[in-house]
Structures are given as structure tokens and as C-alpha cells.
Amino acid sequence: MAKRLFVGGIPYTITDSQLNEMFAQVGAVVSATVITDRMTGRSKGFGFVEMEKDEDADKAIQTLNGTEIEGRKIAVNEARPRPEQSERSFGPRRDFGGGGDRRRSFGGRGKGQRRGGY
């Protein structure tokens, strides 16, 4: 069974194929993906690598975690499972309140009171 790894702190210049090559030195890689910004296409500085064997993934964590690439220390951990779509899209639902008597919402003046303290 393949094990998915999170790779953080990677340089913004690293490509998918370079990430694949780096982890292929440790064991067989199923996939390697650098996450990019949708709008700019620029790397976000992290990615995911899926290793073919669990033993290779554990070895990759031990070997590559904390190593320096282009002046940046990378972090290699086992990836957490993806959250459900509803949690990812909007986050927790927030109720900001509001409503009530709108006339009293500006400086505490009641109905019929004027500005300027008259």
C-alpha cells in the first residue's frame, strides 16, 4: 500500500520532477506533486509525495526530514487525511449576530433623538 507524505518548506523553484527525483533516491515513488497557487501558478512551498512502500516512506521521513535544499530546510511528515469537502470550502460556520433594533445601533440614540446633544 502506498503511503502519502507531506513535504513542507521546499524552495519555490522546485518542480514536480525534481521532487520526484529527490525521493526516488530513497525508494520507489508513485507520484510527486508541488502545490501551486491557482491564480499565479507559483509554487506555495509545499507538496505531496506518494511512496510505493511504507518502509520507503518511513525511510524518506528519517533521511530527508530537516535536510537543506537551496538554503531552505524541508519538513517531511506523513500526510494527514484530507478533510471533507464541506469543511474545506467554507470553514466553520460563523453567526455574526446582528438584527435587533436598528435605530439604536448608531451611537445609542433612540427614536427621535438628534445629533449634537440637543
N, C-alpha and C. Protein backbone atom coordinates (compact mmCIF):
# COMPACT_ATOMS: atom_id res chain seq x y z
N MET A 1 0.84 -1.19 0.00
CA MET A 1 0.00 0.00 0.00
C MET A 1 0.88 1.24 0.00
N ALA A 2 0.50 2.25 -0.78
CA ALA A 2 1.27 3.48 -0.89
C ALA A 2 1.02 4.38 0.32
N LYS A 3 2.06 5.06 0.74
CA LYS A 3 1.95 5.99 1.87
C LYS A 3 2.21 7.40 1.34
N ARG A 4 1.36 8.32 1.72
CA ARG A 4 1.44 9.71 1.25
C ARG A 4 2.21 10.54 2.26
N LEU A 5 3.17 11.34 1.78
CA LEU A 5 3.99 12.19 2.63
C LEU A 5 3.76 13.66 2.31
N PHE A 6 3.77 14.49 3.34
CA PHE A 6 3.72 15.94 3.19
C PHE A 6 5.15 16.45 3.20
N VAL A 7 5.49 17.31 2.26
CA VAL A 7 6.82 17.90 2.19
C VAL A 7 6.65 19.41 2.25
N GLY A 8 7.09 20.01 3.35
CA GLY A 8 6.94 21.46 3.54
C GLY A 8 8.27 22.16 3.50
N GLY A 9 8.22 23.46 3.22
CA GLY A 9 9.42 24.28 3.21
C GLY A 9 10.28 24.10 1.98
N ILE A 10 9.71 23.56 0.91
CA ILE A 10 10.53 23.37 -0.29
C ILE A 10 10.70 24.70 -1.01
N PRO A 11 11.83 24.89 -1.68
CA PRO A 11 12.05 26.14 -2.42
C PRO A 11 10.98 26.32 -3.49
N TYR A 12 10.68 27.58 -3.81
CA TYR A 12 9.62 27.88 -4.77
C TYR A 12 10.01 27.50 -6.19
N THR A 13 11.30 27.21 -6.42
CA THR A 13 11.77 26.86 -7.76
C THR A 13 11.70 25.37 -8.06
N ILE A 14 11.42 24.54 -7.06
CA ILE A 14 11.39 23.08 -7.25
C ILE A 14 10.15 22.69 -8.06
N THR A 15 10.36 21.77 -9.01
CA THR A 15 9.27 21.27 -9.84
C THR A 15 8.85 19.86 -9.38
N ASP A 16 7.77 19.37 -9.94
CA ASP A 16 7.29 18.02 -9.63
C ASP A 16 8.37 16.97 -9.92
N SER A 17 9.03 17.10 -11.06
CA SER A 17 10.03 16.10 -11.45
C SER A 17 11.25 16.15 -10.53
N GLN A 18 11.65 17.35 -10.09
CA GLN A 18 12.77 17.45 -9.16
C GLN A 18 12.43 16.84 -7.80
N LEU A 19 11.19 17.06 -7.35
CA LEU A 19 10.73 16.46 -6.10
C LEU A 19 10.71 14.94 -6.22
N ASN A 20 10.26 14.45 -7.37
CA ASN A 20 10.24 13.02 -7.63
C ASN A 20 11.66 12.45 -7.58
N GLU A 21 12.61 13.11 -8.23
CA GLU A 21 14.00 12.64 -8.25
C GLU A 21 14.59 12.59 -6.85
N MET A 22 14.28 13.59 -6.03
CA MET A 22 14.82 13.66 -4.67
C MET A 22 14.36 12.44 -3.85
N PHE A 23 13.09 12.10 -3.95
CA PHE A 23 12.54 10.99 -3.16
C PHE A 23 12.84 9.64 -3.80
N ALA A 24 13.09 9.60 -5.11
CA ALA A 24 13.41 8.35 -5.79
C ALA A 24 14.75 7.79 -5.32
N GLN A 25 15.61 8.64 -4.75
CA GLN A 25 16.88 8.17 -4.21
C GLN A 25 16.67 7.27 -2.99
N VAL A 26 15.53 7.43 -2.32
CA VAL A 26 15.22 6.65 -1.12
C VAL A 26 14.43 5.39 -1.47
N GLY A 27 13.51 5.48 -2.42
CA GLY A 27 12.68 4.34 -2.79
C GLY A 27 11.79 4.67 -3.97
N ALA A 28 10.92 3.74 -4.32
CA ALA A 28 10.03 3.90 -5.47
C ALA A 28 8.94 4.92 -5.18
N VAL A 29 8.81 5.89 -6.09
CA VAL A 29 7.83 6.97 -5.94
C VAL A 29 6.66 6.71 -6.88
N VAL A 30 5.44 6.78 -6.33
CA VAL A 30 4.23 6.64 -7.13
C VAL A 30 3.90 7.98 -7.78
N SER A 31 3.92 9.06 -6.99
CA SER A 31 3.64 10.40 -7.51
C SER A 31 4.32 11.44 -6.63
N ALA A 32 4.63 12.58 -7.24
CA ALA A 32 5.21 13.72 -6.53
C ALA A 32 4.59 14.98 -7.11
N THR A 33 3.98 15.79 -6.25
CA THR A 33 3.26 16.97 -6.70
C THR A 33 3.63 18.17 -5.85
N VAL A 34 4.05 19.26 -6.50
CA VAL A 34 4.27 20.54 -5.83
C VAL A 34 2.97 21.32 -5.95
N ILE A 35 2.45 21.81 -4.84
CA ILE A 35 1.19 22.54 -4.85
C ILE A 35 1.44 23.97 -5.32
N THR A 36 0.64 24.42 -6.28
CA THR A 36 0.80 25.76 -6.84
C THR A 36 -0.45 26.61 -6.62
N ASP A 37 -0.26 27.91 -6.63
CA ASP A 37 -1.35 28.86 -6.50
C ASP A 37 -2.17 28.84 -7.79
N ARG A 38 -3.48 28.80 -7.70
CA ARG A 38 -4.33 28.73 -8.88
C ARG A 38 -4.25 29.98 -9.73
N MET A 39 -4.13 31.12 -9.08
CA MET A 39 -4.14 32.39 -9.81
C MET A 39 -2.81 32.67 -10.50
N THR A 40 -1.71 32.49 -9.78
CA THR A 40 -0.40 32.87 -10.30
C THR A 40 0.37 31.70 -10.90
N GLY A 41 0.04 30.47 -10.51
CA GLY A 41 0.78 29.31 -10.97
C GLY A 41 2.10 29.12 -10.23
N ARG A 42 2.37 29.97 -9.25
CA ARG A 42 3.62 29.91 -8.48
C ARG A 42 3.49 28.87 -7.37
N SER A 43 4.60 28.21 -7.06
CA SER A 43 4.62 27.20 -6.00
C SER A 43 4.24 27.83 -4.66
N LYS A 44 3.54 27.05 -3.83
CA LYS A 44 3.19 27.51 -2.49
C LYS A 44 4.23 27.08 -1.46
N GLY A 45 5.26 26.37 -1.89
CA GLY A 45 6.33 25.97 -0.98
C GLY A 45 6.09 24.66 -0.26
N PHE A 46 5.13 23.87 -0.72
CA PHE A 46 4.92 22.55 -0.15
C PHE A 46 4.37 21.62 -1.22
N GLY A 47 4.42 20.33 -0.91
CA GLY A 47 3.93 19.36 -1.87
C GLY A 47 3.66 18.03 -1.20
N PHE A 48 3.30 17.04 -2.00
CA PHE A 48 2.99 15.71 -1.52
C PHE A 48 3.71 14.68 -2.38
N VAL A 49 4.21 13.67 -1.71
CA VAL A 49 4.89 12.57 -2.40
C VAL A 49 4.23 11.28 -1.93
N GLU A 50 3.92 10.42 -2.87
CA GLU A 50 3.33 9.12 -2.53
C GLU A 50 4.38 8.06 -2.84
N MET A 51 4.78 7.34 -1.80
CA MET A 51 5.80 6.30 -1.94
C MET A 51 5.11 4.94 -2.11
N GLU A 52 5.72 4.07 -2.91
CA GLU A 52 5.13 2.77 -3.20
C GLU A 52 5.04 1.88 -1.96
N LYS A 53 6.10 1.86 -1.16
CA LYS A 53 6.14 1.00 0.03
C LYS A 53 6.19 1.85 1.29
N ASP A 54 5.51 1.36 2.33
CA ASP A 54 5.52 2.06 3.62
C ASP A 54 6.92 2.16 4.21
N GLU A 55 7.74 1.13 3.99
CA GLU A 55 9.11 1.14 4.53
C GLU A 55 9.92 2.25 3.88
N ASP A 56 9.73 2.44 2.57
CA ASP A 56 10.44 3.52 1.86
C ASP A 56 9.98 4.89 2.34
N ALA A 57 8.69 5.01 2.62
CA ALA A 57 8.16 6.28 3.12
C ALA A 57 8.75 6.60 4.49
N ASP A 58 8.82 5.60 5.37
CA ASP A 58 9.42 5.81 6.69
C ASP A 58 10.90 6.17 6.57
N LYS A 59 11.58 5.53 5.64
CA LYS A 59 13.00 5.83 5.41
C LYS A 59 13.16 7.25 4.86
N ALA A 60 12.26 7.68 3.99
CA ALA A 60 12.30 9.03 3.44
C ALA A 60 12.11 10.08 4.53
N ILE A 61 11.22 9.80 5.47
CA ILE A 61 11.00 10.73 6.59
C ILE A 61 12.27 10.85 7.40
N GLN A 62 12.88 9.73 7.73
CA GLN A 62 14.11 9.74 8.54
C GLN A 62 15.27 10.38 7.79
N THR A 63 15.39 10.10 6.51
CA THR A 63 16.53 10.57 5.73
C THR A 63 16.41 12.03 5.31
N LEU A 64 15.24 12.44 4.83
CA LEU A 64 15.10 13.76 4.21
C LEU A 64 14.56 14.84 5.13
N ASN A 65 13.90 14.48 6.22
CA ASN A 65 13.34 15.49 7.13
C ASN A 65 14.48 16.32 7.72
N GLY A 66 14.40 17.64 7.56
CA GLY A 66 15.41 18.54 8.12
C GLY A 66 16.59 18.81 7.20
N THR A 67 16.61 18.18 6.01
CA THR A 67 17.71 18.44 5.08
C THR A 67 17.52 19.80 4.43
N GLU A 68 18.61 20.36 3.95
CA GLU A 68 18.58 21.70 3.36
C GLU A 68 18.65 21.61 1.85
N ILE A 69 17.73 22.30 1.19
CA ILE A 69 17.69 22.37 -0.27
C ILE A 69 17.62 23.84 -0.66
N GLU A 70 18.61 24.30 -1.42
CA GLU A 70 18.67 25.69 -1.87
C GLU A 70 18.50 26.66 -0.70
N GLY A 71 19.11 26.34 0.43
CA GLY A 71 19.08 27.23 1.58
C GLY A 71 17.84 27.13 2.45
N ARG A 72 16.94 26.19 2.16
CA ARG A 72 15.72 26.03 2.96
C ARG A 72 15.67 24.62 3.53
N LYS A 73 15.35 24.53 4.83
CA LYS A 73 15.17 23.23 5.48
C LYS A 73 13.78 22.71 5.16
N ILE A 74 13.74 21.48 4.67
CA ILE A 74 12.43 20.90 4.36
C ILE A 74 11.95 20.05 5.53
N ALA A 75 10.64 19.93 5.61
CA ALA A 75 9.99 19.08 6.63
C ALA A 75 9.27 17.97 5.88
N VAL A 76 9.52 16.74 6.29
CA VAL A 76 8.87 15.59 5.66
C VAL A 76 8.12 14.83 6.75
N ASN A 77 6.81 14.73 6.62
CA ASN A 77 5.94 14.04 7.58
C ASN A 77 4.95 13.18 6.82
N GLU A 78 4.31 12.28 7.56
CA GLU A 78 3.20 11.54 6.97
C GLU A 78 2.03 12.49 6.81
N ALA A 79 1.42 12.49 5.63
CA ALA A 79 0.32 13.41 5.34
C ALA A 79 -0.92 13.01 6.12
N ARG A 80 -1.64 14.02 6.60
CA ARG A 80 -2.93 13.76 7.26
C ARG A 80 -3.99 13.56 6.19
N PRO A 81 -5.07 12.84 6.52
CA PRO A 81 -6.13 12.65 5.53
C PRO A 81 -6.80 13.98 5.18
N ARG A 82 -7.30 14.05 3.97
CA ARG A 82 -7.98 15.28 3.52
C ARG A 82 -9.27 15.48 4.30
N PRO A 83 -9.59 16.74 4.64
CA PRO A 83 -10.89 17.00 5.27
C PRO A 83 -12.01 16.85 4.25
N GLU A 84 -13.21 16.67 4.74
CA GLU A 84 -14.37 16.56 3.85
C GLU A 84 -14.53 17.87 3.07
N GLN A 85 -15.17 17.80 1.92
CA GLN A 85 -15.35 18.97 1.06
C GLN A 85 -16.05 20.13 1.78
N SER A 86 -17.08 19.84 2.57
CA SER A 86 -17.82 20.91 3.24
C SER A 86 -16.94 21.65 4.24
N GLU A 87 -16.03 20.95 4.92
CA GLU A 87 -15.15 21.60 5.88
C GLU A 87 -14.10 22.44 5.17
N ARG A 88 -13.63 21.97 3.99
CA ARG A 88 -12.59 22.65 3.26
C ARG A 88 -13.10 23.92 2.60
N SER A 89 -14.32 23.92 2.10
CA SER A 89 -14.81 25.03 1.31
C SER A 89 -15.00 26.30 2.11
N PHE A 90 -15.66 26.21 3.21
CA PHE A 90 -16.06 27.42 3.90
C PHE A 90 -15.54 27.53 5.33
N GLY A 91 -14.95 26.48 5.85
CA GLY A 91 -14.52 26.50 7.23
C GLY A 91 -15.71 26.39 8.15
N PRO A 92 -15.49 26.62 9.44
CA PRO A 92 -16.62 26.52 10.36
C PRO A 92 -17.61 27.64 10.11
N ARG A 93 -18.89 27.33 10.27
CA ARG A 93 -19.91 28.34 10.06
C ARG A 93 -19.91 29.32 11.21
N ARG A 94 -19.97 30.58 10.86
CA ARG A 94 -19.96 31.63 11.88
C ARG A 94 -21.25 32.43 11.80
N ASP A 95 -21.82 32.72 12.96
CA ASP A 95 -23.00 33.56 13.02
C ASP A 95 -22.58 34.87 13.64
N PHE A 96 -22.66 35.94 12.88
CA PHE A 96 -22.19 37.23 13.35
C PHE A 96 -23.28 38.02 14.07
N GLY A 97 -24.41 37.40 14.28
CA GLY A 97 -25.46 38.08 15.04
C GLY A 97 -26.09 39.17 14.20
N GLY A 98 -26.32 40.30 14.83
CA GLY A 98 -26.95 41.40 14.11
C GLY A 98 -28.43 41.40 14.36
N GLY A 99 -29.13 42.12 13.54
CA GLY A 99 -30.57 42.19 13.70
C GLY A 99 -30.93 43.11 14.86
N GLY A 100 -32.07 42.89 15.47
CA GLY A 100 -32.48 43.72 16.59
C GLY A 100 -33.00 45.08 16.14
N ASP A 101 -32.99 46.03 17.04
CA ASP A 101 -33.49 47.38 16.78
C ASP A 101 -32.40 48.19 16.08
N ARG A 102 -32.55 48.40 14.82
CA ARG A 102 -31.52 49.08 14.03
C ARG A 102 -31.43 50.57 14.39
N ARG A 103 -32.49 51.13 14.91
CA ARG A 103 -32.46 52.57 15.24
C ARG A 103 -31.48 52.86 16.36
N ARG A 104 -31.22 51.90 17.20
CA ARG A 104 -30.33 52.12 18.34
C ARG A 104 -28.88 51.69 18.05
N SER A 105 -28.58 51.38 16.80
CA SER A 105 -27.25 50.87 16.50
C SER A 105 -26.24 51.97 16.18
N PHE A 106 -26.64 53.24 16.14
CA PHE A 106 -25.70 54.32 15.84
C PHE A 106 -25.54 55.23 17.05
N GLY A 107 -24.56 54.92 17.88
CA GLY A 107 -24.25 55.79 19.00
C GLY A 107 -25.23 55.74 20.14
N GLY A 108 -26.15 54.82 20.16
CA GLY A 108 -27.06 54.67 21.28
C GLY A 108 -28.22 55.65 21.29
N ARG A 109 -28.44 56.37 20.20
CA ARG A 109 -29.57 57.30 20.15
C ARG A 109 -30.86 56.55 19.92
N GLY A 110 -31.86 56.93 20.61
CA GLY A 110 -33.16 56.31 20.45
C GLY A 110 -33.95 57.04 19.37
N LYS A 111 -35.17 56.63 19.19
CA LYS A 111 -36.03 57.24 18.18
C LYS A 111 -36.30 58.70 18.53
N GLY A 112 -36.14 59.56 17.55
CA GLY A 112 -36.44 60.96 17.75
C GLY A 112 -35.29 61.76 18.35
N GLN A 113 -34.21 61.17 18.75
CA GLN A 113 -33.09 61.95 19.27
C GLN A 113 -32.24 62.46 18.12
N ARG A 114 -31.71 63.68 18.32
CA ARG A 114 -30.93 64.32 17.28
C ARG A 114 -29.44 64.23 17.58
N ARG A 115 -28.67 64.50 16.57
CA ARG A 115 -27.22 64.56 16.74
C ARG A 115 -26.84 65.86 17.41
N GLY A 116 -25.66 65.87 18.01
CA GLY A 116 -25.13 67.10 18.57
C GLY A 116 -25.60 67.41 19.98
N GLY A 117 -26.29 66.51 20.62
CA GLY A 117 -26.69 66.69 22.01
C GLY A 117 -27.77 67.72 22.25
N TYR A 118 -28.67 67.95 21.36
CA TYR A 118 -29.75 68.94 21.52
C TYR A 118 -30.75 68.45 22.50
